[in-house]
Structures are given as C-alpha cells and as structure tokens.
Amino acid sequence: MCKIYSTVVLAICTVITVSLAAYLFWEGKEAPVKRNGEPGKGDTHLSVRNAGELGEVVDSDQTVQKEDGSVDDLAAPPDGVPDLPKTKKSDGLPEGSLSDWNLILLGPHEENKIDEELDLELTQFDTQRVDSRAADAYATMRDAAAAEGITLYLRSGYRSMETQRQNYNGSVQRYLDAGKSREEALRLTNEYYTVPGHSEHHTGLAFDIITPEYHNQIYSLDDRFADTDAYTWLRENCARYGFILRYPKEKEEETQINFEPWHYRYVGKEHAQYIMEHGLCLEEYIALLKEAGR
C-alpha cells in the first residue's frame, strides 16, 4: 500500500514539475507587438520579459512606454515602409524650383533674357529701387552691417530695359570717344554691361552695394571696392540674409562678366548659403537644379 501511495505522489510531483517548466518556458518567449491591432508577417517583436528588465512596458497602442514617462513610437507606415526625414530633397539641394521668382537667371548667354519688362512692386533705398520681396532681407543686412560699424549704400538696383540701353550705349560711346574701334568698344563694354533684356538689374534682385565713403571718394565701380572692410563683411555675411556675390573671381567663363565685388544678388537664404559654401556662381547652381529635374 505504501509503495502504491509513493508511486502516486511521485507521479503528481512529476506532472507539477513539467507544468511549471512549460509555464516558465512560454512566459519567457517573445511576444509580438501588434500593428493596427493585428499580428502579421513582418511585425516587429519585442520580448515582454526583456522589456520589463529594461524598465519599459509595451502597451496596446504600438508604443513602448518607459518608466520615465517617455514614449517610443513603434508604428510604421503601411507595408512597413519607414518615414524618411523631410529635410532637403534626395539630390542634396535646397528646396526650390527653376520657376521660382528668386531664381530667375539673366545674363550674357543668349537664352538668359527677357523680352519685356517684368511686373514688379518696388521699394526704395537711398536713391534706388528694388523688388519689394527682397527689401526686408536687404534692410536686415544693412542694419546688421551698421551694428558692426559698416555703412552700406545702394548704388544701383532696378533698371528698366530702356535705362540699360542708355547705360550700354553710353559705355560704348565713351570707349569710341577714347579712340577705341567699335569692335574694341563693344568688347570692353561687354565685360561689365549686358545688352538690354539680359541685365540682372531688370529683376530688381540685383544690388550694387558700396559705402558712402567709397561713393564720395572713389565713385567708380571697380576692383578697388574689394579692398574695403565693407566688401570683406559682405563676402562673409551676405548669405545669412539671402544674398550671393553674383560675379566672383575665377568664374568669368561661366558668368561672362568680370569680377564685381559690389554686385550682390538676392536668391533666398538656403540657396545663398549653398552657393557660397560650395564656391559656385548662379549659373553653376542653376545647372545643378536643371540636372536634378527642378
């Protein structure tokens, strides 16, 4: 009788031991985190036991809540495609299109022209006018320069096609009066002037910037402005306000215009910073946008 009783007790203990082992085994397996309330292929799994050891609790709303109260979202877009950060486009260029008003390109190249006057709202600084959409940026830059002891003076801004025609023809005539041939007069004029319809000044986004001192003492727009503190300040800071040095040194082949340390162009902050940081001229930047299909 005792032998039978011992056998029964041993059998019961064995069953309890096996049941306990099975319970502990299944308790430690990984539990699926449901997406949209339904488990399925590709679902992310997180060990409930491990999560608890890390001080995290998995709730039923696709998140992991930590003991400090913060929440990690485990949800993903449909089909498991993760969101990508929405910063610059995949081509690495700032947001923008070739059709944007601030990226208009005029210049000596045949295709870079307008055939009629642009419809612009203009704002006046000093004796000149500029596109009102760039006025606040210039005012902010001018004030920032003044705070550092640099007084900026807008020597030239918007020009109509008729004004450009007068300036261009006047330059040619001065060279002729100096004894140059017409061919030479045109060549020399084209180093700094564009024919009507091709001038950036038609856009109201071109700013010829010097200082009152330079205007009164030297007046001529030439390379001497590059020796001034104002030029150094502009070169180092213009991009912060959306401007670029439009005709840099060693870019004459691309721009077809000689170095002009006084000539700045509004393009917007992100474009300006990219252009200046990468040592580009506007023609090169526009080419990148075209290549990117903008």
C-alpha atoms as a PDB file:
ATOM      1  CA  MET A   1       0.000   0.000   0.000  1.00  0.00           C
ATOM      2  CA  CYS A   2       2.805   2.370   0.885  1.00  0.00           C
ATOM      3  CA  LYS A   3       4.524   1.518  -2.342  1.00  0.00           C
ATOM      4  CA  ILE A   4       1.426   2.423  -4.385  1.00  0.00           C
ATOM      5  CA  TYR A   5       0.990   5.674  -2.441  1.00  0.00           C
ATOM      6  CA  SER A   6       4.638   6.683  -3.091  1.00  0.00           C
ATOM      7  CA  THR A   7       4.230   5.988  -6.785  1.00  0.00           C
ATOM      8  CA  VAL A   8       1.137   8.229  -6.989  1.00  0.00           C
ATOM      9  CA  VAL A   9       2.884  11.081  -5.127  1.00  0.00           C
ATOM     10  CA  LEU A  10       5.899  10.815  -7.423  1.00  0.00           C
ATOM     11  CA  ALA A  11       3.662  10.944 -10.486  1.00  0.00           C
ATOM     12  CA  ILE A  12       1.846  14.049  -9.172  1.00  0.00           C
ATOM     13  CA  CYS A  13       5.176  15.802  -8.453  1.00  0.00           C
ATOM     14  CA  THR A  14       6.409  14.976 -11.924  1.00  0.00           C
ATOM     15  CA  VAL A  15       3.291  16.485 -13.528  1.00  0.00           C
ATOM     16  CA  ILE A  16       3.614  19.635 -11.416  1.00  0.00           C
ATOM     17  CA  THR A  17       7.308  19.978 -12.287  1.00  0.00           C
ATOM     18  CA  VAL A  18       6.667  19.549 -16.037  1.00  0.00           C
ATOM     19  CA  SER A  19       3.752  22.014 -15.936  1.00  0.00           C
ATOM     20  CA  LEU A  20       5.823  24.614 -14.088  1.00  0.00           C
ATOM     21  CA  ALA A  21       8.706  24.210 -16.564  1.00  0.00           C
ATOM     22  CA  ALA A  22       6.324  24.613 -19.502  1.00  0.00           C
ATOM     23  CA  TYR A  23       4.811  27.734 -17.945  1.00  0.00           C
ATOM     24  CA  LEU A  24       8.200  29.334 -17.369  1.00  0.00           C
ATOM     25  CA  PHE A  25       9.288  28.436 -20.917  1.00  0.00           C
ATOM     26  CA  TRP A  26       6.275  30.034 -22.583  1.00  0.00           C
ATOM     27  CA  GLU A  27       6.365  33.048 -20.274  1.00  0.00           C
ATOM     28  CA  GLY A  28       9.871  33.828 -21.497  1.00  0.00           C
ATOM     29  CA  LYS A  29       9.161  33.558 -25.248  1.00  0.00           C
ATOM     30  CA  GLU A  30       8.980  36.736 -27.406  1.00  0.00           C
ATOM     31  CA  ALA A  31       5.543  38.254 -27.714  1.00  0.00           C
ATOM     32  CA  PRO A  32       4.615  40.052 -30.942  1.00  0.00           C
ATOM     33  CA  VAL A  33       3.914  43.784 -30.953  1.00  0.00           C
ATOM     34  CA  LYS A  34       0.699  44.227 -32.908  1.00  0.00           C
ATOM     35  CA  ARG A  35       0.330  46.798 -35.679  1.00  0.00           C
ATOM     36  CA  ASN A  36      -3.142  48.229 -36.226  1.00  0.00           C
ATOM     37  CA  GLY A  37      -4.382  45.662 -33.696  1.00  0.00           C
ATOM     38  CA  GLU A  38      -3.486  42.655 -35.839  1.00  0.00           C
ATOM     39  CA  PRO A  39      -0.362  40.473 -35.822  1.00  0.00           C
ATOM     40  CA  GLY A  40       1.063  39.558 -39.187  1.00  0.00           C
ATOM     41  CA  LYS A  41       4.111  38.924 -41.287  1.00  0.00           C
ATOM     42  CA  GLY A  42       6.884  41.412 -40.789  1.00  0.00           C
ATOM     43  CA  ASP A  43       5.552  42.510 -37.367  1.00  0.00           C
ATOM     44  CA  THR A  44       8.227  43.826 -35.047  1.00  0.00           C
ATOM     45  CA  HIS A  45       8.729  41.590 -31.984  1.00  0.00           C
ATOM     46  CA  LEU A  46       9.859  42.650 -28.555  1.00  0.00           C
ATOM     47  CA  SER A  47      10.445  40.365 -25.594  1.00  0.00           C
ATOM     48  CA  VAL A  48       7.974  41.312 -22.861  1.00  0.00           C
ATOM     49  CA  ARG A  49      10.308  39.963 -20.205  1.00  0.00           C
ATOM     50  CA  ASN A  50      13.307  41.835 -21.670  1.00  0.00           C
ATOM     51  CA  ALA A  51      11.262  44.993 -21.963  1.00  0.00           C
ATOM     52  CA  GLY A  52      10.414  44.758 -18.306  1.00  0.00           C
ATOM     53  CA  GLU A  53      14.053  44.278 -17.424  1.00  0.00           C
ATOM     54  CA  LEU A  54      14.871  47.464 -19.386  1.00  0.00           C
ATOM     55  CA  GLY A  55      12.254  49.414 -17.462  1.00  0.00           C
ATOM     56  CA  GLU A  56       9.829  49.523 -20.405  1.00  0.00           C
ATOM     57  CA  VAL A  57       6.214  48.430 -20.730  1.00  0.00           C
ATOM     58  CA  VAL A  58       4.672  47.511 -24.075  1.00  0.00           C
ATOM     59  CA  ASP A  59       1.161  48.889 -24.383  1.00  0.00           C
ATOM     60  CA  SER A  60      -1.505  48.018 -26.955  1.00  0.00           C
ATOM     61  CA  ASP A  61      -1.158  51.225 -28.966  1.00  0.00           C
ATOM     62  CA  GLN A  62       2.040  50.458 -30.902  1.00  0.00           C
ATOM     63  CA  THR A  63       4.316  52.258 -28.437  1.00  0.00           C
ATOM     64  CA  VAL A  64       6.884  51.451 -25.805  1.00  0.00           C
ATOM     65  CA  GLN A  65       6.383  53.454 -22.619  1.00  0.00           C
ATOM     66  CA  LYS A  66       9.444  53.890 -20.403  1.00  0.00           C
ATOM     67  CA  GLU A  67       9.479  54.332 -16.643  1.00  0.00           C
ATOM     68  CA  ASP A  68      10.464  57.984 -17.048  1.00  0.00           C
ATOM     69  CA  GLY A  69       7.202  58.612 -18.894  1.00  0.00           C
ATOM     70  CA  SER A  70       8.710  58.987 -22.384  1.00  0.00           C
ATOM     71  CA  VAL A  71       7.211  57.010 -25.255  1.00  0.00           C
ATOM     72  CA  ASP A  72       8.875  55.428 -28.265  1.00  0.00           C
ATOM     73  CA  ASP A  73       6.539  55.074 -31.251  1.00  0.00           C
ATOM     74  CA  LEU A  74       6.915  51.714 -32.966  1.00  0.00           C
ATOM     75  CA  ALA A  75       4.318  52.401 -35.626  1.00  0.00           C
ATOM     76  CA  ALA A  76       5.374  52.389 -39.291  1.00  0.00           C
ATOM     77  CA  PRO A  77       3.609  53.488 -42.481  1.00  0.00           C
ATOM     78  CA  PRO A  78       1.598  50.872 -44.420  1.00  0.00           C
ATOM     79  CA  ASP A  79       3.553  47.946 -45.854  1.00  0.00           C
ATOM     80  CA  GLY A  80       6.310  48.553 -43.327  1.00  0.00           C
ATOM     81  CA  VAL A  81       7.914  51.442 -45.268  1.00  0.00           C
ATOM     82  CA  PRO A  82       9.666  53.756 -42.777  1.00  0.00           C
ATOM     83  CA  ASP A  83       9.299  57.526 -42.896  1.00  0.00           C
ATOM     84  CA  LEU A  84      12.335  59.391 -44.201  1.00  0.00           C
ATOM     85  CA  PRO A  85      13.351  62.709 -42.637  1.00  0.00           C
ATOM     86  CA  LYS A  86      11.849  65.596 -44.567  1.00  0.00           C
ATOM     87  CA  THR A  87      14.817  67.902 -44.956  1.00  0.00           C
ATOM     88  CA  LYS A  88      16.486  68.567 -48.292  1.00  0.00           C
ATOM     89  CA  LYS A  89      15.487  66.637 -51.378  1.00  0.00           C
ATOM     90  CA  SER A  90      17.359  63.430 -52.108  1.00  0.00           C
ATOM     91  CA  ASP A  91      19.637  65.311 -54.521  1.00  0.00           C
ATOM     92  CA  GLY A  92      21.052  67.260 -51.566  1.00  0.00           C
ATOM     93  CA  LEU A  93      19.956  70.653 -52.921  1.00  0.00           C
ATOM     94  CA  PRO A  94      17.766  73.123 -51.041  1.00  0.00           C
ATOM     95  CA  GLU A  95      14.046  73.143 -51.739  1.00  0.00           C
ATOM     96  CA  GLY A  96      13.174  75.201 -54.802  1.00  0.00           C
ATOM     97  CA  SER A  97      12.255  75.241 -58.472  1.00  0.00           C
ATOM     98  CA  LEU A  98      13.677  76.952 -61.548  1.00  0.00           C
ATOM     99  CA  SER A  99      10.343  78.711 -61.896  1.00  0.00           C
ATOM    100  CA  ASP A 100      10.698  80.453 -58.513  1.00  0.00           C
ATOM    101  CA  TRP A 101      10.843  84.233 -58.758  1.00  0.00           C
ATOM    102  CA  ASN A 102      14.064  84.469 -56.754  1.00  0.00           C
ATOM    103  CA  LEU A 103      15.940  82.068 -59.070  1.00  0.00           C
ATOM    104  CA  ILE A 104      15.391  83.896 -62.351  1.00  0.00           C
ATOM    105  CA  LEU A 105      18.625  83.908 -64.376  1.00  0.00           C
ATOM    106  CA  LEU A 106      19.534  86.752 -66.703  1.00  0.00           C
ATOM    107  CA  GLY A 107      22.940  87.304 -68.263  1.00  0.00           C
ATOM    108  CA  PRO A 108      25.013  87.442 -71.441  1.00  0.00           C
ATOM    109  CA  HIS A 109      24.112  83.930 -72.595  1.00  0.00           C
ATOM    110  CA  GLU A 110      21.531  84.095 -75.359  1.00  0.00           C
ATOM    111  CA  GLU A 111      18.883  82.078 -73.513  1.00  0.00           C
ATOM    112  CA  ASN A 112      19.112  84.141 -70.308  1.00  0.00           C
ATOM    113  CA  LYS A 113      16.954  87.098 -71.218  1.00  0.00           C
ATOM    114  CA  ILE A 114      13.508  88.668 -71.013  1.00  0.00           C
ATOM    115  CA  ASP A 115      11.664  90.200 -73.958  1.00  0.00           C
ATOM    116  CA  GLU A 116       9.519  92.637 -71.997  1.00  0.00           C
ATOM    117  CA  GLU A 117       9.539  94.400 -68.666  1.00  0.00           C
ATOM    118  CA  LEU A 118       8.694  92.370 -65.566  1.00  0.00           C
ATOM    119  CA  ASP A 119       5.676  93.373 -63.470  1.00  0.00           C
ATOM    120  CA  LEU A 120       7.324  94.260 -60.178  1.00  0.00           C
ATOM    121  CA  GLU A 121       6.426  96.036 -56.965  1.00  0.00           C
ATOM    122  CA  LEU A 122       9.433  98.129 -55.978  1.00  0.00           C
ATOM    123  CA  THR A 123      10.731  99.523 -52.687  1.00  0.00           C
ATOM    124  CA  GLN A 124      13.215 102.406 -52.447  1.00  0.00           C
ATOM    125  CA  PHE A 125      16.538 102.504 -50.586  1.00  0.00           C
ATOM    126  CA  ASP A 126      18.787 105.540 -50.839  1.00  0.00           C
ATOM    127  CA  THR A 127      18.128 106.721 -54.422  1.00  0.00           C
ATOM    128  CA  GLN A 128      17.417 103.250 -55.851  1.00  0.00           C
ATOM    129  CA  ARG A 129      14.520 100.801 -56.028  1.00  0.00           C
ATOM    130  CA  VAL A 130      14.491  97.006 -55.639  1.00  0.00           C
ATOM    131  CA  ASP A 131      11.965  94.172 -55.754  1.00  0.00           C
ATOM    132  CA  SER A 132       9.836  94.558 -52.631  1.00  0.00           C
ATOM    133  CA  ARG A 133      10.071  90.816 -51.948  1.00  0.00           C
ATOM    134  CA  ALA A 134      13.795  91.229 -51.260  1.00  0.00           C
ATOM    135  CA  ALA A 135      13.518  94.578 -49.461  1.00  0.00           C
ATOM    136  CA  ASP A 136      13.221  93.241 -45.916  1.00  0.00           C
ATOM    137  CA  ALA A 137      16.254  90.995 -46.401  1.00  0.00           C
ATOM    138  CA  TYR A 138      18.363  93.925 -47.582  1.00  0.00           C
ATOM    139  CA  ALA A 139      17.156  96.177 -44.758  1.00  0.00           C
ATOM    140  CA  THR A 140      18.065  93.495 -42.200  1.00  0.00           C
ATOM    141  CA  MET A 141      21.509  93.020 -43.755  1.00  0.00           C
ATOM    142  CA  ARG A 142      22.131  96.765 -43.887  1.00  0.00           C
ATOM    143  CA  ASP A 143      21.180  97.129 -40.221  1.00  0.00           C
ATOM    144  CA  ALA A 144      23.407  94.197 -39.218  1.00  0.00           C
ATOM    145  CA  ALA A 145      26.351  95.775 -41.033  1.00  0.00           C
ATOM    146  CA  ALA A 146      25.671  99.132 -39.361  1.00  0.00           C
ATOM    147  CA  ALA A 147      25.738  97.430 -35.966  1.00  0.00           C
ATOM    148  CA  GLU A 148      29.313  96.390 -36.769  1.00  0.00           C
ATOM    149  CA  GLY A 149      30.374  99.830 -37.988  1.00  0.00           C
ATOM    150  CA  ILE A 150      29.830  99.214 -41.733  1.00  0.00           C
ATOM    151  CA  THR A 151      27.538 101.646 -43.563  1.00  0.00           C
ATOM    152  CA  LEU A 152      26.142 100.211 -46.780  1.00  0.00           C
ATOM    153  CA  TYR A 153      24.970 102.345 -49.668  1.00  0.00           C
ATOM    154  CA  LEU A 154      22.828 101.045 -52.529  1.00  0.00           C
ATOM    155  CA  ARG A 155      24.442 102.480 -55.633  1.00  0.00           C
ATOM    156  CA  SER A 156      22.208 100.735 -58.154  1.00  0.00           C
ATOM    157  CA  GLY A 157      19.148  98.481 -58.047  1.00  0.00           C
ATOM    158  CA  TYR A 158      16.318  98.003 -60.516  1.00  0.00           C
ATOM    159  CA  ARG A 159      16.853  99.204 -64.080  1.00  0.00           C
ATOM    160  CA  SER A 160      14.316  99.237 -66.845  1.00  0.00           C
ATOM    161  CA  MET A 161      15.294  97.924 -70.261  1.00  0.00           C
ATOM    162  CA  GLU A 162      15.402 101.489 -71.539  1.00  0.00           C
ATOM    163  CA  THR A 163      17.761 102.612 -68.761  1.00  0.00           C
ATOM    164  CA  GLN A 164      20.006  99.632 -69.504  1.00  0.00           C
ATOM    165  CA  ARG A 165      20.028 100.570 -73.171  1.00  0.00           C
ATOM    166  CA  GLN A 166      21.171 104.078 -72.295  1.00  0.00           C
ATOM    167  CA  ASN A 167      23.907 102.775 -69.975  1.00  0.00           C
ATOM    168  CA  TYR A 168      25.145 100.234 -72.510  1.00  0.00           C
ATOM    169  CA  ASN A 169      25.237 102.660 -75.404  1.00  0.00           C
ATOM    170  CA  GLY A 170      26.838 105.317 -73.189  1.00  0.00           C
ATOM    171  CA  SER A 171      29.680 102.939 -72.292  1.00  0.00           C
ATOM    172  CA  VAL A 172      30.279 102.068 -75.940  1.00  0.00           C
ATOM    173  CA  GLN A 173      30.363 105.747 -76.851  1.00  0.00           C
ATOM    174  CA  ARG A 174      32.890 106.573 -74.117  1.00  0.00           C
ATOM    175  CA  TYR A 175      35.277 103.959 -75.489  1.00  0.00           C
ATOM    176  CA  LEU A 176      34.755 105.272 -79.009  1.00  0.00           C
ATOM    177  CA  ASP A 177      35.495 108.794 -77.798  1.00  0.00           C
ATOM    178  CA  ALA A 178      38.700 107.429 -76.237  1.00  0.00           C
ATOM    179  CA  GLY A 179      39.852 106.271 -79.660  1.00  0.00           C
ATOM    180  CA  LYS A 180      38.842 102.602 -79.489  1.00  0.00           C
ATOM    181  CA  SER A 181      37.458 100.820 -82.518  1.00  0.00           C
ATOM    182  CA  ARG A 182      33.802  99.873 -82.400  1.00  0.00           C
ATOM    183  CA  GLU A 183      34.742  96.213 -82.025  1.00  0.00           C
ATOM    184  CA  GLU A 184      37.028  97.027 -79.096  1.00  0.00           C
ATOM    185  CA  ALA A 185      34.445  99.365 -77.562  1.00  0.00           C
ATOM    186  CA  LEU A 186      31.832  96.614 -77.624  1.00  0.00           C
ATOM    187  CA  ARG A 187      34.239  94.045 -76.175  1.00  0.00           C
ATOM    188  CA  LEU A 188      35.217  96.316 -73.295  1.00  0.00           C
ATOM    189  CA  THR A 189      31.603  97.295 -72.601  1.00  0.00           C
ATOM    190  CA  ASN A 190      30.502  93.657 -72.504  1.00  0.00           C
ATOM    191  CA  GLU A 191      32.955  92.932 -69.691  1.00  0.00           C
ATOM    192  CA  TYR A 192      30.697  94.812 -67.273  1.00  0.00           C
ATOM    193  CA  TYR A 193      27.447  95.534 -69.078  1.00  0.00           C
ATOM    194  CA  THR A 194      24.849  93.292 -70.675  1.00  0.00           C
ATOM    195  CA  VAL A 195      22.632  94.283 -73.565  1.00  0.00           C
ATOM    196  CA  PRO A 196      19.049  95.285 -72.702  1.00  0.00           C
ATOM    197  CA  GLY A 197      16.912  92.279 -71.828  1.00  0.00           C
ATOM    198  CA  HIS A 198      19.862  90.360 -70.345  1.00  0.00           C
ATOM    199  CA  SER A 199      20.667  92.518 -67.325  1.00  0.00           C
ATOM    200  CA  GLU A 200      20.046  91.169 -63.819  1.00  0.00           C
ATOM    201  CA  HIS A 201      19.046  94.672 -62.823  1.00  0.00           C
ATOM    202  CA  HIS A 202      15.777  94.166 -64.741  1.00  0.00           C
ATOM    203  CA  THR A 203      14.715  91.719 -61.995  1.00  0.00           C
ATOM    204  CA  GLY A 204      15.036  94.142 -59.092  1.00  0.00           C
ATOM    205  CA  LEU A 205      17.060  91.430 -57.341  1.00  0.00           C
ATOM    206  CA  ALA A 206      20.499  92.823 -58.239  1.00  0.00           C
ATOM    207  CA  PHE A 207      22.051  95.149 -55.655  1.00  0.00           C
ATOM    208  CA  ASP A 208      25.170  97.188 -56.411  1.00  0.00           C
ATOM    209  CA  ILE A 209      26.354  97.868 -52.860  1.00  0.00           C
ATOM    210  CA  ILE A 210      29.194 100.143 -51.777  1.00  0.00           C
ATOM    211  CA  THR A 211      29.624 102.649 -48.918  1.00  0.00           C
ATOM    212  CA  PRO A 212      29.018 106.416 -48.787  1.00  0.00           C
ATOM    213  CA  GLU A 213      32.776 106.941 -48.295  1.00  0.00           C
ATOM    214  CA  TYR A 214      33.634 104.892 -51.364  1.00  0.00           C
ATOM    215  CA  HIS A 215      30.938 106.655 -53.368  1.00  0.00           C
ATOM    216  CA  ASN A 216      32.259 110.102 -52.426  1.00  0.00           C
ATOM    217  CA  GLN A 217      35.991 109.409 -52.607  1.00  0.00           C
ATOM    218  CA  ILE A 218      36.373 106.925 -55.454  1.00  0.00           C
ATOM    219  CA  TYR A 219      32.937 106.680 -57.062  1.00  0.00           C
ATOM    220  CA  SER A 220      33.941 104.283 -59.861  1.00  0.00           C
ATOM    221  CA  LEU A 221      32.675 100.742 -59.518  1.00  0.00           C
ATOM    222  CA  ASP A 222      35.877  98.745 -59.887  1.00  0.00           C
ATOM    223  CA  ASP A 223      38.138  96.236 -58.128  1.00  0.00           C
ATOM    224  CA  ARG A 224      39.179  98.794 -55.503  1.00  0.00           C
ATOM    225  CA  PHE A 225      35.996  98.074 -53.594  1.00  0.00           C
ATOM    226  CA  ALA A 226      37.414  94.596 -52.891  1.00  0.00           C
ATOM    227  CA  ASP A 227      39.998  96.261 -50.621  1.00  0.00           C
ATOM    228  CA  THR A 228      37.377  97.729 -48.294  1.00  0.00           C
ATOM    229  CA  ASP A 229      36.085  96.483 -44.957  1.00  0.00           C
ATOM    230  CA  ALA A 230      32.578  96.628 -46.419  1.00  0.00           C
ATOM    231  CA  TYR A 231      33.458  94.074 -49.098  1.00  0.00           C
ATOM    232  CA  THR A 232      35.005  91.743 -46.510  1.00  0.00           C
ATOM    233  CA  TRP A 233      31.880  91.995 -44.364  1.00  0.00           C
ATOM    234  CA  LEU A 234      29.549  91.416 -47.297  1.00  0.00           C
ATOM    235  CA  ARG A 235      31.508  88.433 -48.563  1.00  0.00           C
ATOM    236  CA  GLU A 236      31.445  86.810 -45.116  1.00  0.00           C
ATOM    237  CA  ASN A 237      27.838  87.618 -44.195  1.00  0.00           C
ATOM    238  CA  CYS A 238      25.667  88.168 -47.273  1.00  0.00           C
ATOM    239  CA  ALA A 239      24.442  84.561 -47.488  1.00  0.00           C
ATOM    240  CA  ARG A 240      22.926  84.820 -43.990  1.00  0.00           C
ATOM    241  CA  TYR A 241      20.441  87.272 -45.444  1.00  0.00           C
ATOM    242  CA  GLY A 242      19.804  85.503 -48.751  1.00  0.00           C
ATOM    243  CA  PHE A 243      22.390  87.248 -50.957  1.00  0.00           C
ATOM    244  CA  ILE A 244      25.315  85.974 -53.034  1.00  0.00           C
ATOM    245  CA  LEU A 245      28.320  87.670 -54.583  1.00  0.00           C
ATOM    246  CA  ARG A 246      26.985  87.484 -58.120  1.00  0.00           C
ATOM    247  CA  TYR A 247      30.175  87.725 -60.170  1.00  0.00           C
ATOM    248  CA  PRO A 248      33.047  86.132 -58.196  1.00  0.00           C
ATOM    249  CA  LYS A 249      36.667  85.885 -59.222  1.00  0.00           C
ATOM    250  CA  GLU A 250      37.613  82.936 -61.407  1.00  0.00           C
ATOM    251  CA  LYS A 251      34.009  82.461 -62.566  1.00  0.00           C
ATOM    252  CA  GLU A 252      34.259  84.732 -65.606  1.00  0.00           C
ATOM    253  CA  GLU A 253      33.990  81.807 -68.013  1.00  0.00           C
ATOM    254  CA  GLU A 254      30.659  80.782 -66.521  1.00  0.00           C
ATOM    255  CA  THR A 255      29.167  84.253 -65.992  1.00  0.00           C
ATOM    256  CA  GLN A 256      30.777  86.037 -68.963  1.00  0.00           C
ATOM    257  CA  ILE A 257      31.130  89.025 -66.626  1.00  0.00           C
ATOM    258  CA  ASN A 258      34.281  90.212 -64.882  1.00  0.00           C
ATOM    259  CA  PHE A 259      34.683  90.124 -61.113  1.00  0.00           C
ATOM    260  CA  GLU A 260      32.346  92.677 -59.499  1.00  0.00           C
ATOM    261  CA  PRO A 261      32.918  92.956 -55.734  1.00  0.00           C
ATOM    262  CA  TRP A 262      30.000  95.405 -55.416  1.00  0.00           C
ATOM    263  CA  HIS A 263      27.333  93.305 -57.188  1.00  0.00           C
ATOM    264  CA  TYR A 264      25.087  91.129 -54.960  1.00  0.00           C
ATOM    265  CA  ARG A 265      22.039  89.130 -55.898  1.00  0.00           C
ATOM    266  CA  TYR A 266      19.092  88.040 -53.771  1.00  0.00           C
ATOM    267  CA  VAL A 267      18.224  84.337 -54.115  1.00  0.00           C
ATOM    268  CA  GLY A 268      16.935  83.423 -50.635  1.00  0.00           C
ATOM    269  CA  LYS A 269      18.798  82.147 -47.566  1.00  0.00           C
ATOM    270  CA  GLU A 270      19.022  78.410 -48.283  1.00  0.00           C
ATOM    271  CA  HIS A 271      20.087  78.904 -51.895  1.00  0.00           C
ATOM    272  CA  ALA A 272      22.559  81.617 -50.934  1.00  0.00           C
ATOM    273  CA  GLN A 273      24.180  79.531 -48.219  1.00  0.00           C
ATOM    274  CA  TYR A 274      24.534  76.532 -50.532  1.00  0.00           C
ATOM    275  CA  ILE A 275      26.012  78.642 -53.341  1.00  0.00           C
ATOM    276  CA  MET A 276      28.514  80.483 -51.149  1.00  0.00           C
ATOM    277  CA  GLU A 277      29.536  77.420 -49.134  1.00  0.00           C
ATOM    278  CA  HIS A 278      30.210  75.427 -52.310  1.00  0.00           C
ATOM    279  CA  GLY A 279      32.005  78.249 -54.141  1.00  0.00           C
ATOM    280  CA  LEU A 280      29.503  78.387 -57.007  1.00  0.00           C
ATOM    281  CA  CYS A 281      28.194  81.129 -59.224  1.00  0.00           C
ATOM    282  CA  LEU A 282      24.485  81.324 -60.030  1.00  0.00           C
ATOM    283  CA  GLU A 283      24.949  79.764 -63.470  1.00  0.00           C
ATOM    284  CA  GLU A 284      26.527  76.666 -61.918  1.00  0.00           C
ATOM    285  CA  TYR A 285      23.806  76.405 -59.294  1.00  0.00           C
ATOM    286  CA  ILE A 286      21.030  76.696 -61.875  1.00  0.00           C
ATOM    287  CA  ALA A 287      22.753  73.938 -63.873  1.00  0.00           C
ATOM    288  CA  LEU A 288      22.610  71.691 -60.783  1.00  0.00           C
ATOM    289  CA  LEU A 289      18.897  72.386 -60.383  1.00  0.00           C
ATOM    290  CA  LYS A 290      18.290  71.544 -64.035  1.00  0.00           C
ATOM    291  CA  GLU A 291      20.246  68.316 -63.691  1.00  0.00           C
ATOM    292  CA  ALA A 292      18.115  67.440 -60.668  1.00  0.00           C
ATOM    293  CA  GLY A 293      14.953  67.975 -62.683  1.00  0.00           C
ATOM    294  CA  ARG A 294      13.770  71.006 -60.742  1.00  0.00           C
END
